[in-house]
């Protein structure tokens, strides 16, 4: 599943970052790495950005970037 497909309010775990080495390095520095749990805070309409919570800060990603992040959705308890 792609990060861009996760519904607002849901948590997921990053499985893979499908980017160029330069972009991958930037995302790793921001705390986006395989195994990291993130929460979708806002999903803007009409192809707008996806806002996620990583640890204790929020980060906005372009929809095209969110489509290159493979995740697995976490089960609700």
Protein backbone atom coordinates (compact mmCIF):
# COMPACT_ATOMS: atom_id res chain seq x y z
CA UNK A 1 0.00 0.00 0.00
CA UNK A 2 1.17 3.54 -0.71
CA UNK A 3 1.29 6.26 1.93
CA UNK A 4 -0.95 8.37 -0.32
CA UNK A 5 -3.70 5.72 0.07
CA UNK A 6 -3.80 5.71 3.88
CA UNK A 7 -6.85 7.39 5.40
CA UNK A 8 -6.63 10.38 7.72
CA UNK A 9 -6.18 9.36 11.36
CA UNK A 10 -4.64 5.96 10.54
CA UNK A 11 -1.16 4.81 11.50
CA UNK A 12 1.12 2.81 9.28
CA UNK A 13 4.65 1.46 9.22
CA UNK A 14 7.04 2.43 6.44
CA UNK A 15 8.20 -0.58 4.42
CA UNK A 16 10.19 0.97 1.57
CA UNK A 17 11.26 4.34 0.16
CA UNK A 18 11.31 4.30 -3.64
CA UNK A 19 13.38 7.40 -4.41
CA UNK A 20 16.66 8.51 -5.92
CA UNK A 21 19.63 8.22 -3.53
CA UNK A 22 19.62 12.00 -2.90
CA UNK A 23 15.92 12.19 -2.03
CA UNK A 24 16.11 8.99 0.01
CA UNK A 25 18.92 10.53 2.08
CA UNK A 26 16.82 13.66 2.76
CA UNK A 27 13.85 11.58 3.90
CA UNK A 28 16.05 9.40 6.11
CA UNK A 29 17.41 12.56 7.74
CA UNK A 30 13.82 13.65 8.43
CA UNK A 31 13.13 10.38 10.25
CA UNK A 32 11.35 8.53 7.44
CA UNK A 33 12.96 5.11 7.30
CA UNK A 34 11.75 1.51 7.01
CA UNK A 35 10.16 0.41 10.26
CA UNK A 36 9.18 3.93 11.35
CA UNK A 37 5.53 4.35 12.36
CA UNK A 38 3.76 7.44 11.01
CA UNK A 39 0.21 8.79 11.27
CA UNK A 40 -1.67 10.54 8.46
CA UNK A 41 -2.88 13.82 9.98
CA UNK A 42 -4.32 15.50 6.90
CA UNK A 43 -5.01 14.44 3.33
CA UNK A 44 -5.60 17.50 1.15
CA UNK A 45 -8.15 17.13 -1.66
CA UNK A 46 -7.47 17.45 -5.38
CA UNK A 47 -3.97 16.00 -5.26
CA UNK A 48 -2.72 18.29 -2.50
CA UNK A 49 -0.08 17.39 0.07
CA UNK A 50 -0.30 14.63 2.66
CA UNK A 51 0.51 15.77 6.20
CA UNK A 52 1.97 13.08 8.48
CA UNK A 53 3.11 12.90 12.08
CA UNK A 54 6.54 11.39 12.58
CA UNK A 55 7.52 10.93 16.22
CA UNK A 56 6.58 14.31 17.72
CA UNK A 57 6.55 16.58 14.66
CA UNK A 58 4.46 16.99 11.49
CA UNK A 59 5.73 16.85 7.94
CA UNK A 60 3.95 17.66 4.68
CA UNK A 61 4.79 15.58 1.62
CA UNK A 62 3.80 16.15 -1.97
CA UNK A 63 1.29 13.56 -3.16
CA UNK A 64 3.87 12.33 -5.71
CA UNK A 65 6.32 11.74 -2.85
CA UNK A 66 3.71 9.94 -0.73
CA UNK A 67 3.03 7.64 -3.68
CA UNK A 68 6.67 6.48 -3.60
CA UNK A 69 6.53 5.39 0.05
CA UNK A 70 5.35 1.80 0.56
CA UNK A 71 3.68 1.22 3.93
CA UNK A 72 1.70 -1.40 5.80
CA UNK A 73 -1.33 -0.22 7.73
CA UNK A 74 -1.35 -1.10 11.42
CA UNK A 75 -4.29 -3.06 12.85
CA UNK A 76 -6.68 -1.23 15.13
CA UNK A 77 -6.85 -2.54 18.68
